[in-house]
Amino acid sequence: MNKITVKIDGMMCGMCESHINDAVRKAFSVKKVTSSHTKGETVILTETDIPEEELRTALEPTGYQVLSFSKENCGKKGLLGFLKGNK
């Protein structure tokens, strides 16, 4: 599971968060996407890799500016992940 955190400039309210989330869901197959205008970030959980440039391209039409992009491998969750040493 990949966790992608994107810092975004320009989100002012819940509707802004919704626009970002909808754009991500439309462009990519994701497990979960949440945005916070107060934190100025979007967090995406996905089984597949999302290249930074593709994400920037998908968000460009929304009018919000991507400030930074970071990706980390979350490992597997649940009992099997715990038994294999992933937390």
N, C-alpha and C. Protein backbone atom coordinates (compact mmCIF):
# COMPACT_ATOMS: atom_id res chain seq x y z
N MET A 1 0.85 -1.17 0.00
CA MET A 1 0.00 0.00 0.00
C MET A 1 0.90 1.24 0.00
N ASN A 2 0.61 2.15 -0.89
CA ASN A 2 1.35 3.41 -0.96
C ASN A 2 0.55 4.53 -0.33
N LYS A 3 1.23 5.37 0.42
CA LYS A 3 0.63 6.57 0.98
C LYS A 3 1.31 7.76 0.31
N ILE A 4 0.50 8.56 -0.38
CA ILE A 4 1.02 9.73 -1.08
C ILE A 4 0.45 10.97 -0.39
N THR A 5 1.33 11.87 0.02
CA THR A 5 0.91 13.11 0.65
C THR A 5 1.28 14.26 -0.28
N VAL A 6 0.28 15.07 -0.61
CA VAL A 6 0.48 16.17 -1.54
C VAL A 6 0.11 17.46 -0.82
N LYS A 7 1.04 18.40 -0.75
CA LYS A 7 0.76 19.72 -0.20
C LYS A 7 0.16 20.55 -1.33
N ILE A 8 -0.97 21.18 -1.05
CA ILE A 8 -1.71 21.91 -2.08
C ILE A 8 -2.05 23.31 -1.59
N ASP A 9 -1.80 24.28 -2.45
CA ASP A 9 -2.10 25.68 -2.14
C ASP A 9 -3.41 26.07 -2.80
N GLY A 10 -4.25 26.80 -2.06
CA GLY A 10 -5.46 27.35 -2.65
C GLY A 10 -6.76 26.77 -2.11
N MET A 11 -6.70 25.67 -1.36
CA MET A 11 -7.93 25.10 -0.80
C MET A 11 -8.40 26.01 0.34
N MET A 12 -9.69 26.41 0.29
CA MET A 12 -10.23 27.33 1.27
C MET A 12 -11.39 26.76 2.09
N CYS A 13 -11.99 25.66 1.59
CA CYS A 13 -13.19 25.15 2.26
C CYS A 13 -13.41 23.68 1.92
N GLY A 14 -14.50 23.14 2.42
CA GLY A 14 -14.85 21.75 2.17
C GLY A 14 -15.12 21.45 0.70
N MET A 15 -15.65 22.43 -0.02
CA MET A 15 -15.89 22.21 -1.46
C MET A 15 -14.57 22.09 -2.21
N CYS A 16 -13.58 22.84 -1.80
CA CYS A 16 -12.24 22.73 -2.41
C CYS A 16 -11.70 21.32 -2.20
N GLU A 17 -11.85 20.82 -0.98
CA GLU A 17 -11.40 19.45 -0.67
C GLU A 17 -12.11 18.45 -1.58
N SER A 18 -13.40 18.64 -1.76
CA SER A 18 -14.20 17.75 -2.60
C SER A 18 -13.73 17.78 -4.06
N HIS A 19 -13.40 18.96 -4.57
CA HIS A 19 -12.91 19.08 -5.95
C HIS A 19 -11.62 18.30 -6.14
N ILE A 20 -10.71 18.42 -5.18
CA ILE A 20 -9.44 17.69 -5.24
C ILE A 20 -9.70 16.18 -5.19
N ASN A 21 -10.50 15.75 -4.22
CA ASN A 21 -10.79 14.32 -4.06
C ASN A 21 -11.43 13.74 -5.31
N ASP A 22 -12.38 14.46 -5.89
CA ASP A 22 -13.06 13.99 -7.11
C ASP A 22 -12.08 13.86 -8.27
N ALA A 23 -11.17 14.83 -8.40
CA ALA A 23 -10.19 14.79 -9.50
C ALA A 23 -9.26 13.59 -9.35
N VAL A 24 -8.86 13.28 -8.12
CA VAL A 24 -7.99 12.13 -7.87
C VAL A 24 -8.73 10.84 -8.18
N ARG A 25 -9.96 10.72 -7.69
CA ARG A 25 -10.75 9.50 -7.93
C ARG A 25 -11.04 9.29 -9.42
N LYS A 26 -11.26 10.37 -10.13
CA LYS A 26 -11.56 10.28 -11.57
C LYS A 26 -10.34 9.79 -12.36
N ALA A 27 -9.15 10.22 -11.95
CA ALA A 27 -7.93 9.92 -12.71
C ALA A 27 -7.26 8.61 -12.31
N PHE A 28 -7.46 8.16 -11.06
CA PHE A 28 -6.72 7.01 -10.55
C PHE A 28 -7.62 6.07 -9.75
N SER A 29 -7.21 4.82 -9.69
CA SER A 29 -7.88 3.85 -8.83
C SER A 29 -7.22 3.93 -7.46
N VAL A 30 -7.94 4.44 -6.47
CA VAL A 30 -7.37 4.62 -5.13
C VAL A 30 -8.25 3.92 -4.10
N LYS A 31 -7.64 3.54 -3.00
CA LYS A 31 -8.38 2.96 -1.88
C LYS A 31 -9.09 4.05 -1.09
N LYS A 32 -8.37 5.17 -0.88
CA LYS A 32 -8.92 6.26 -0.08
C LYS A 32 -8.21 7.56 -0.44
N VAL A 33 -8.95 8.65 -0.45
CA VAL A 33 -8.35 9.97 -0.63
C VAL A 33 -9.06 10.94 0.30
N THR A 34 -8.27 11.69 1.05
CA THR A 34 -8.82 12.70 1.95
C THR A 34 -8.02 13.98 1.78
N SER A 35 -8.72 15.09 1.84
CA SER A 35 -8.08 16.39 1.74
C SER A 35 -8.46 17.24 2.94
N SER A 36 -7.56 18.13 3.31
CA SER A 36 -7.81 19.06 4.42
C SER A 36 -7.37 20.46 3.99
N HIS A 37 -8.35 21.37 3.93
CA HIS A 37 -7.99 22.74 3.56
C HIS A 37 -7.23 23.43 4.69
N THR A 38 -7.47 23.02 5.94
CA THR A 38 -6.75 23.63 7.05
C THR A 38 -5.28 23.21 7.08
N LYS A 39 -5.00 21.97 6.70
CA LYS A 39 -3.61 21.49 6.63
C LYS A 39 -2.99 21.79 5.28
N GLY A 40 -3.83 22.06 4.28
CA GLY A 40 -3.33 22.31 2.93
C GLY A 40 -2.72 21.06 2.32
N GLU A 41 -3.36 19.91 2.56
CA GLU A 41 -2.80 18.68 2.02
C GLU A 41 -3.88 17.67 1.64
N THR A 42 -3.47 16.77 0.76
CA THR A 42 -4.29 15.64 0.35
C THR A 42 -3.47 14.37 0.60
N VAL A 43 -4.13 13.37 1.17
CA VAL A 43 -3.48 12.09 1.43
C VAL A 43 -4.21 11.02 0.63
N ILE A 44 -3.43 10.26 -0.13
CA ILE A 44 -3.98 9.22 -1.01
C ILE A 44 -3.42 7.87 -0.59
N LEU A 45 -4.30 6.89 -0.43
CA LEU A 45 -3.87 5.51 -0.18
C LEU A 45 -4.23 4.71 -1.42
N THR A 46 -3.23 4.02 -1.97
CA THR A 46 -3.43 3.28 -3.21
C THR A 46 -2.56 2.04 -3.26
N GLU A 47 -3.06 1.04 -3.96
CA GLU A 47 -2.29 -0.20 -4.15
C GLU A 47 -1.29 -0.04 -5.29
N THR A 48 -1.58 0.87 -6.20
CA THR A 48 -0.73 1.06 -7.38
C THR A 48 0.10 2.34 -7.24
N ASP A 49 1.12 2.41 -8.03
CA ASP A 49 1.98 3.60 -8.02
C ASP A 49 1.31 4.73 -8.80
N ILE A 50 1.39 5.93 -8.28
CA ILE A 50 0.92 7.12 -9.00
C ILE A 50 2.13 8.03 -9.17
N PRO A 51 2.63 8.16 -10.39
CA PRO A 51 3.77 9.05 -10.62
C PRO A 51 3.41 10.50 -10.34
N GLU A 52 4.36 11.24 -9.81
CA GLU A 52 4.13 12.64 -9.44
C GLU A 52 3.61 13.46 -10.61
N GLU A 53 4.23 13.33 -11.77
CA GLU A 53 3.81 14.15 -12.93
C GLU A 53 2.37 13.85 -13.34
N GLU A 54 1.97 12.58 -13.26
CA GLU A 54 0.59 12.22 -13.61
C GLU A 54 -0.40 12.82 -12.62
N LEU A 55 -0.03 12.84 -11.35
CA LEU A 55 -0.90 13.44 -10.34
C LEU A 55 -0.99 14.95 -10.54
N ARG A 56 0.14 15.58 -10.81
CA ARG A 56 0.13 17.03 -11.06
C ARG A 56 -0.75 17.35 -12.27
N THR A 57 -0.67 16.54 -13.31
CA THR A 57 -1.48 16.75 -14.51
C THR A 57 -2.97 16.58 -14.21
N ALA A 58 -3.30 15.60 -13.38
CA ALA A 58 -4.70 15.35 -13.03
C ALA A 58 -5.28 16.49 -12.19
N LEU A 59 -4.44 17.11 -11.35
CA LEU A 59 -4.93 18.18 -10.48
C LEU A 59 -4.88 19.56 -11.13
N GLU A 60 -4.13 19.70 -12.20
CA GLU A 60 -3.97 21.00 -12.87
C GLU A 60 -5.31 21.67 -13.22
N PRO A 61 -6.28 20.95 -13.80
CA PRO A 61 -7.55 21.60 -14.16
C PRO A 61 -8.35 22.14 -12.97
N THR A 62 -8.05 21.68 -11.75
CA THR A 62 -8.79 22.15 -10.58
C THR A 62 -8.42 23.58 -10.22
N GLY A 63 -7.24 24.03 -10.67
CA GLY A 63 -6.81 25.39 -10.38
C GLY A 63 -6.00 25.52 -9.10
N TYR A 64 -5.85 24.44 -8.37
CA TYR A 64 -5.05 24.46 -7.14
C TYR A 64 -3.60 24.11 -7.49
N GLN A 65 -2.67 24.66 -6.72
CA GLN A 65 -1.25 24.46 -7.01
C GLN A 65 -0.64 23.40 -6.11
N VAL A 66 0.00 22.42 -6.74
CA VAL A 66 0.72 21.38 -5.99
C VAL A 66 2.05 21.96 -5.55
N LEU A 67 2.29 21.99 -4.24
CA LEU A 67 3.52 22.54 -3.68
C LEU A 67 4.57 21.47 -3.46
N SER A 68 4.14 20.28 -3.00
CA SER A 68 5.09 19.19 -2.77
C SER A 68 4.38 17.85 -2.87
N PHE A 69 5.18 16.81 -3.05
CA PHE A 69 4.69 15.46 -3.27
C PHE A 69 5.62 14.51 -2.53
N SER A 70 5.08 13.67 -1.67
CA SER A 70 5.91 12.65 -1.01
C SER A 70 5.17 11.32 -1.01
N LYS A 71 5.96 10.26 -1.11
CA LYS A 71 5.39 8.92 -1.21
C LYS A 71 6.10 8.01 -0.22
N GLU A 72 5.33 7.15 0.43
CA GLU A 72 5.92 6.16 1.32
C GLU A 72 5.14 4.85 1.22
N ASN A 73 5.83 3.76 1.46
CA ASN A 73 5.21 2.45 1.45
C ASN A 73 4.71 2.18 2.86
N CYS A 74 3.41 1.97 2.99
CA CYS A 74 2.81 1.74 4.31
C CYS A 74 2.91 0.30 4.76
N GLY A 75 3.24 -0.59 3.84
CA GLY A 75 3.26 -2.00 4.20
C GLY A 75 1.84 -2.52 4.30
N LYS A 76 1.70 -3.77 4.63
CA LYS A 76 0.38 -4.37 4.74
C LYS A 76 -0.17 -4.13 6.14
N LYS A 77 -1.47 -3.93 6.20
CA LYS A 77 -2.15 -3.73 7.47
C LYS A 77 -2.86 -5.01 7.87
N GLY A 78 -3.26 -5.08 9.11
CA GLY A 78 -4.04 -6.22 9.58
C GLY A 78 -3.17 -7.33 10.13
N LEU A 79 -3.79 -8.45 10.42
CA LEU A 79 -3.13 -9.58 11.06
C LEU A 79 -1.99 -10.14 10.23
N LEU A 80 -2.21 -10.34 8.93
CA LEU A 80 -1.16 -10.91 8.10
C LEU A 80 0.05 -9.97 8.03
N GLY A 81 -0.19 -8.69 7.93
CA GLY A 81 0.91 -7.73 7.93
C GLY A 81 1.67 -7.76 9.25
N PHE A 82 0.95 -7.89 10.35
CA PHE A 82 1.57 -7.96 11.65
C PHE A 82 2.43 -9.22 11.79
N LEU A 83 1.90 -10.36 11.32
CA LEU A 83 2.64 -11.61 11.41
C LEU A 83 3.91 -11.59 10.56
N LYS A 84 3.87 -10.83 9.46
CA LYS A 84 5.04 -10.73 8.60
C LYS A 84 6.01 -9.63 9.06
N GLY A 85 5.65 -8.95 10.13
CA GLY A 85 6.56 -7.94 10.68
C GLY A 85 6.29 -6.52 10.17
N ASN A 86 5.25 -6.34 9.36
CA ASN A 86 4.87 -5.00 8.90
C ASN A 86 3.88 -4.40 9.87
N LYS A 87 4.08 -3.15 10.17
CA LYS A 87 3.15 -2.47 11.08
C LYS A 87 2.53 -1.30 10.40
